[in-house]
Amino acid sequence: MKASASAPFSSQETARWQLHADLHLGTGYAMSLLELEGWLAQARSACDVGAISQDQLDALLEEAMSIGNALAEI
């Protein structure tokens, strides 16, 4: 099914936001620093190829810092 020209988001933009949401959830549910590093590596790779924006990567990195600090206290 082809999206109409008046659609608010293109399928590519929708895919970018879905990827960001998936990375956000993966980062948020990381149970170890190693797992968190894996999600961040995926996020950096996605940003490198333009699949997510630098702003999205920055938001994930900021969230990961908080999660990493919490994991370190466990």
N, C-alpha and C. Protein backbone atom coordinates (compact mmCIF):
# COMPACT_ATOMS: atom_id res chain seq x y z
N MET A 1 0.84 -1.17 0.00
CA MET A 1 0.00 0.00 0.00
C MET A 1 0.88 1.23 0.00
N LYS A 2 0.66 2.11 -0.92
CA LYS A 2 1.47 3.32 -1.04
C LYS A 2 0.86 4.44 -0.21
N ALA A 3 1.70 5.14 0.55
CA ALA A 3 1.22 6.25 1.37
C ALA A 3 0.87 7.42 0.48
N SER A 4 -0.18 8.12 0.83
CA SER A 4 -0.56 9.29 0.04
C SER A 4 0.39 10.44 0.33
N ALA A 5 0.44 11.38 -0.59
CA ALA A 5 1.34 12.52 -0.44
C ALA A 5 0.97 13.38 0.76
N SER A 6 -0.29 13.30 1.19
CA SER A 6 -0.72 14.12 2.31
C SER A 6 -0.54 13.42 3.66
N ALA A 7 0.00 12.21 3.64
CA ALA A 7 0.22 11.48 4.89
C ALA A 7 1.19 12.27 5.77
N PRO A 8 0.93 12.32 7.09
CA PRO A 8 1.78 13.13 7.97
C PRO A 8 3.23 12.65 8.04
N PHE A 9 3.46 11.35 7.91
CA PHE A 9 4.81 10.82 7.96
C PHE A 9 5.00 9.83 6.83
N SER A 10 6.17 9.86 6.23
CA SER A 10 6.48 8.87 5.20
C SER A 10 6.79 7.54 5.88
N SER A 11 6.77 6.48 5.11
CA SER A 11 7.08 5.17 5.70
C SER A 11 8.52 5.15 6.21
N GLN A 12 9.41 5.88 5.55
CA GLN A 12 10.80 5.95 6.01
C GLN A 12 10.88 6.66 7.36
N GLU A 13 10.14 7.75 7.51
CA GLU A 13 10.15 8.48 8.78
C GLU A 13 9.53 7.62 9.88
N THR A 14 8.47 6.92 9.55
CA THR A 14 7.84 6.02 10.52
C THR A 14 8.81 4.94 10.95
N ALA A 15 9.56 4.38 10.01
CA ALA A 15 10.55 3.35 10.32
C ALA A 15 11.65 3.91 11.22
N ARG A 16 12.06 5.15 10.98
CA ARG A 16 13.09 5.78 11.82
C ARG A 16 12.60 5.91 13.25
N TRP A 17 11.37 6.36 13.42
CA TRP A 17 10.83 6.52 14.77
C TRP A 17 10.61 5.18 15.44
N GLN A 18 10.22 4.16 14.67
CA GLN A 18 10.05 2.82 15.24
C GLN A 18 11.40 2.27 15.72
N LEU A 19 12.44 2.48 14.91
CA LEU A 19 13.78 2.04 15.32
C LEU A 19 14.20 2.75 16.59
N HIS A 20 13.97 4.06 16.65
CA HIS A 20 14.31 4.81 17.85
C HIS A 20 13.54 4.28 19.06
N ALA A 21 12.26 3.97 18.87
CA ALA A 21 11.45 3.43 19.97
C ALA A 21 12.00 2.08 20.42
N ASP A 22 12.37 1.24 19.47
CA ASP A 22 12.94 -0.08 19.81
C ASP A 22 14.24 0.08 20.59
N LEU A 23 15.10 0.99 20.14
CA LEU A 23 16.37 1.23 20.84
C LEU A 23 16.11 1.80 22.23
N HIS A 24 15.13 2.68 22.33
CA HIS A 24 14.76 3.28 23.62
C HIS A 24 14.30 2.19 24.60
N LEU A 25 13.44 1.30 24.13
CA LEU A 25 12.96 0.22 24.99
C LEU A 25 14.09 -0.73 25.38
N GLY A 26 14.93 -1.08 24.43
CA GLY A 26 16.05 -1.97 24.71
C GLY A 26 16.99 -1.37 25.73
N THR A 27 17.27 -0.09 25.57
CA THR A 27 18.14 0.62 26.52
C THR A 27 17.49 0.66 27.89
N GLY A 28 16.20 0.95 27.92
CA GLY A 28 15.48 1.07 29.19
C GLY A 28 15.37 -0.23 29.95
N TYR A 29 15.34 -1.35 29.24
CA TYR A 29 15.20 -2.65 29.89
C TYR A 29 16.52 -3.40 30.03
N ALA A 30 17.64 -2.75 29.74
CA ALA A 30 18.94 -3.41 29.87
C ALA A 30 19.14 -3.85 31.32
N MET A 31 19.60 -5.08 31.48
CA MET A 31 19.77 -5.65 32.81
C MET A 31 21.23 -5.68 33.26
N SER A 32 22.13 -5.23 32.39
CA SER A 32 23.55 -5.20 32.75
C SER A 32 24.23 -4.10 31.95
N LEU A 33 25.40 -3.71 32.41
CA LEU A 33 26.16 -2.70 31.67
C LEU A 33 26.56 -3.21 30.30
N LEU A 34 26.87 -4.49 30.20
CA LEU A 34 27.24 -5.09 28.92
C LEU A 34 26.07 -5.02 27.93
N GLU A 35 24.88 -5.35 28.40
CA GLU A 35 23.69 -5.27 27.54
C GLU A 35 23.43 -3.82 27.13
N LEU A 36 23.58 -2.90 28.05
CA LEU A 36 23.39 -1.48 27.76
C LEU A 36 24.38 -1.02 26.70
N GLU A 37 25.64 -1.44 26.82
CA GLU A 37 26.65 -1.10 25.82
C GLU A 37 26.29 -1.64 24.45
N GLY A 38 25.70 -2.83 24.40
CA GLY A 38 25.27 -3.42 23.14
C GLY A 38 24.18 -2.59 22.47
N TRP A 39 23.20 -2.15 23.26
CA TRP A 39 22.14 -1.31 22.70
C TRP A 39 22.70 0.02 22.20
N LEU A 40 23.64 0.58 22.95
CA LEU A 40 24.24 1.85 22.52
C LEU A 40 25.07 1.68 21.26
N ALA A 41 25.74 0.56 21.12
CA ALA A 41 26.50 0.29 19.89
C ALA A 41 25.55 0.22 18.70
N GLN A 42 24.40 -0.41 18.89
CA GLN A 42 23.41 -0.47 17.81
C GLN A 42 22.89 0.93 17.48
N ALA A 43 22.67 1.73 18.50
CA ALA A 43 22.18 3.09 18.28
C ALA A 43 23.21 3.93 17.53
N ARG A 44 24.48 3.81 17.91
CA ARG A 44 25.53 4.56 17.21
C ARG A 44 25.62 4.13 15.75
N SER A 45 25.53 2.83 15.50
CA SER A 45 25.57 2.33 14.12
C SER A 45 24.38 2.85 13.33
N ALA A 46 23.22 2.87 13.95
CA ALA A 46 22.02 3.38 13.28
C ALA A 46 22.18 4.85 12.94
N CYS A 47 22.78 5.61 13.82
CA CYS A 47 23.02 7.03 13.57
C CYS A 47 24.05 7.21 12.46
N ASP A 48 25.08 6.39 12.46
CA ASP A 48 26.13 6.48 11.44
C ASP A 48 25.59 6.31 10.03
N VAL A 49 24.57 5.47 9.88
CA VAL A 49 24.00 5.23 8.54
C VAL A 49 22.77 6.09 8.28
N GLY A 50 22.44 6.97 9.21
CA GLY A 50 21.31 7.87 9.02
C GLY A 50 19.95 7.29 9.35
N ALA A 51 19.94 6.15 10.03
CA ALA A 51 18.66 5.52 10.37
C ALA A 51 17.96 6.23 11.53
N ILE A 52 18.73 6.86 12.41
CA ILE A 52 18.18 7.74 13.44
C ILE A 52 19.00 9.02 13.42
N SER A 53 18.41 10.08 13.94
CA SER A 53 19.09 11.38 13.93
C SER A 53 20.08 11.49 15.09
N GLN A 54 20.95 12.47 14.99
CA GLN A 54 21.90 12.73 16.08
C GLN A 54 21.16 13.12 17.35
N ASP A 55 20.07 13.87 17.22
CA ASP A 55 19.28 14.23 18.40
C ASP A 55 18.70 13.00 19.09
N GLN A 56 18.24 12.04 18.29
CA GLN A 56 17.71 10.80 18.86
C GLN A 56 18.82 10.02 19.56
N LEU A 57 19.99 9.97 18.95
CA LEU A 57 21.13 9.29 19.58
C LEU A 57 21.50 9.98 20.88
N ASP A 58 21.55 11.30 20.87
CA ASP A 58 21.90 12.04 22.08
C ASP A 58 20.91 11.75 23.21
N ALA A 59 19.62 11.66 22.88
CA ALA A 59 18.60 11.35 23.89
C ALA A 59 18.81 9.95 24.45
N LEU A 60 19.14 9.00 23.58
CA LEU A 60 19.42 7.64 24.05
C LEU A 60 20.65 7.60 24.94
N LEU A 61 21.69 8.34 24.56
CA LEU A 61 22.92 8.37 25.37
C LEU A 61 22.66 8.97 26.74
N GLU A 62 21.85 10.03 26.78
CA GLU A 62 21.52 10.66 28.06
C GLU A 62 20.75 9.69 28.96
N GLU A 63 19.79 9.01 28.38
CA GLU A 63 19.02 8.02 29.14
C GLU A 63 19.93 6.89 29.61
N ALA A 64 20.82 6.45 28.74
CA ALA A 64 21.72 5.35 29.08
C ALA A 64 22.65 5.72 30.24
N MET A 65 23.04 6.97 30.32
CA MET A 65 23.90 7.40 31.43
C MET A 65 23.17 7.22 32.76
N SER A 66 21.90 7.59 32.79
CA SER A 66 21.11 7.42 34.02
C SER A 66 20.95 5.95 34.36
N ILE A 67 20.65 5.15 33.35
CA ILE A 67 20.46 3.72 33.56
C ILE A 67 21.78 3.07 33.99
N GLY A 68 22.87 3.47 33.35
CA GLY A 68 24.19 2.94 33.71
C GLY A 68 24.55 3.24 35.15
N ASN A 69 24.25 4.46 35.59
CA ASN A 69 24.51 4.82 36.98
C ASN A 69 23.68 3.96 37.93
N ALA A 70 22.42 3.72 37.58
CA ALA A 70 21.56 2.88 38.42
C ALA A 70 22.06 1.44 38.44
N LEU A 71 22.47 0.92 37.28
CA LEU A 71 22.99 -0.45 37.23
C LEU A 71 24.27 -0.60 38.05
N ALA A 72 25.09 0.42 38.05
CA ALA A 72 26.35 0.36 38.79
C ALA A 72 26.11 0.30 40.30
N GLU A 73 24.97 0.83 40.74
CA GLU A 73 24.66 0.83 42.17
C GLU A 73 24.09 -0.51 42.64
N ILE A 74 23.69 -1.35 41.71
CA ILE A 74 23.06 -2.63 42.08
C ILE A 74 24.13 -3.62 42.52
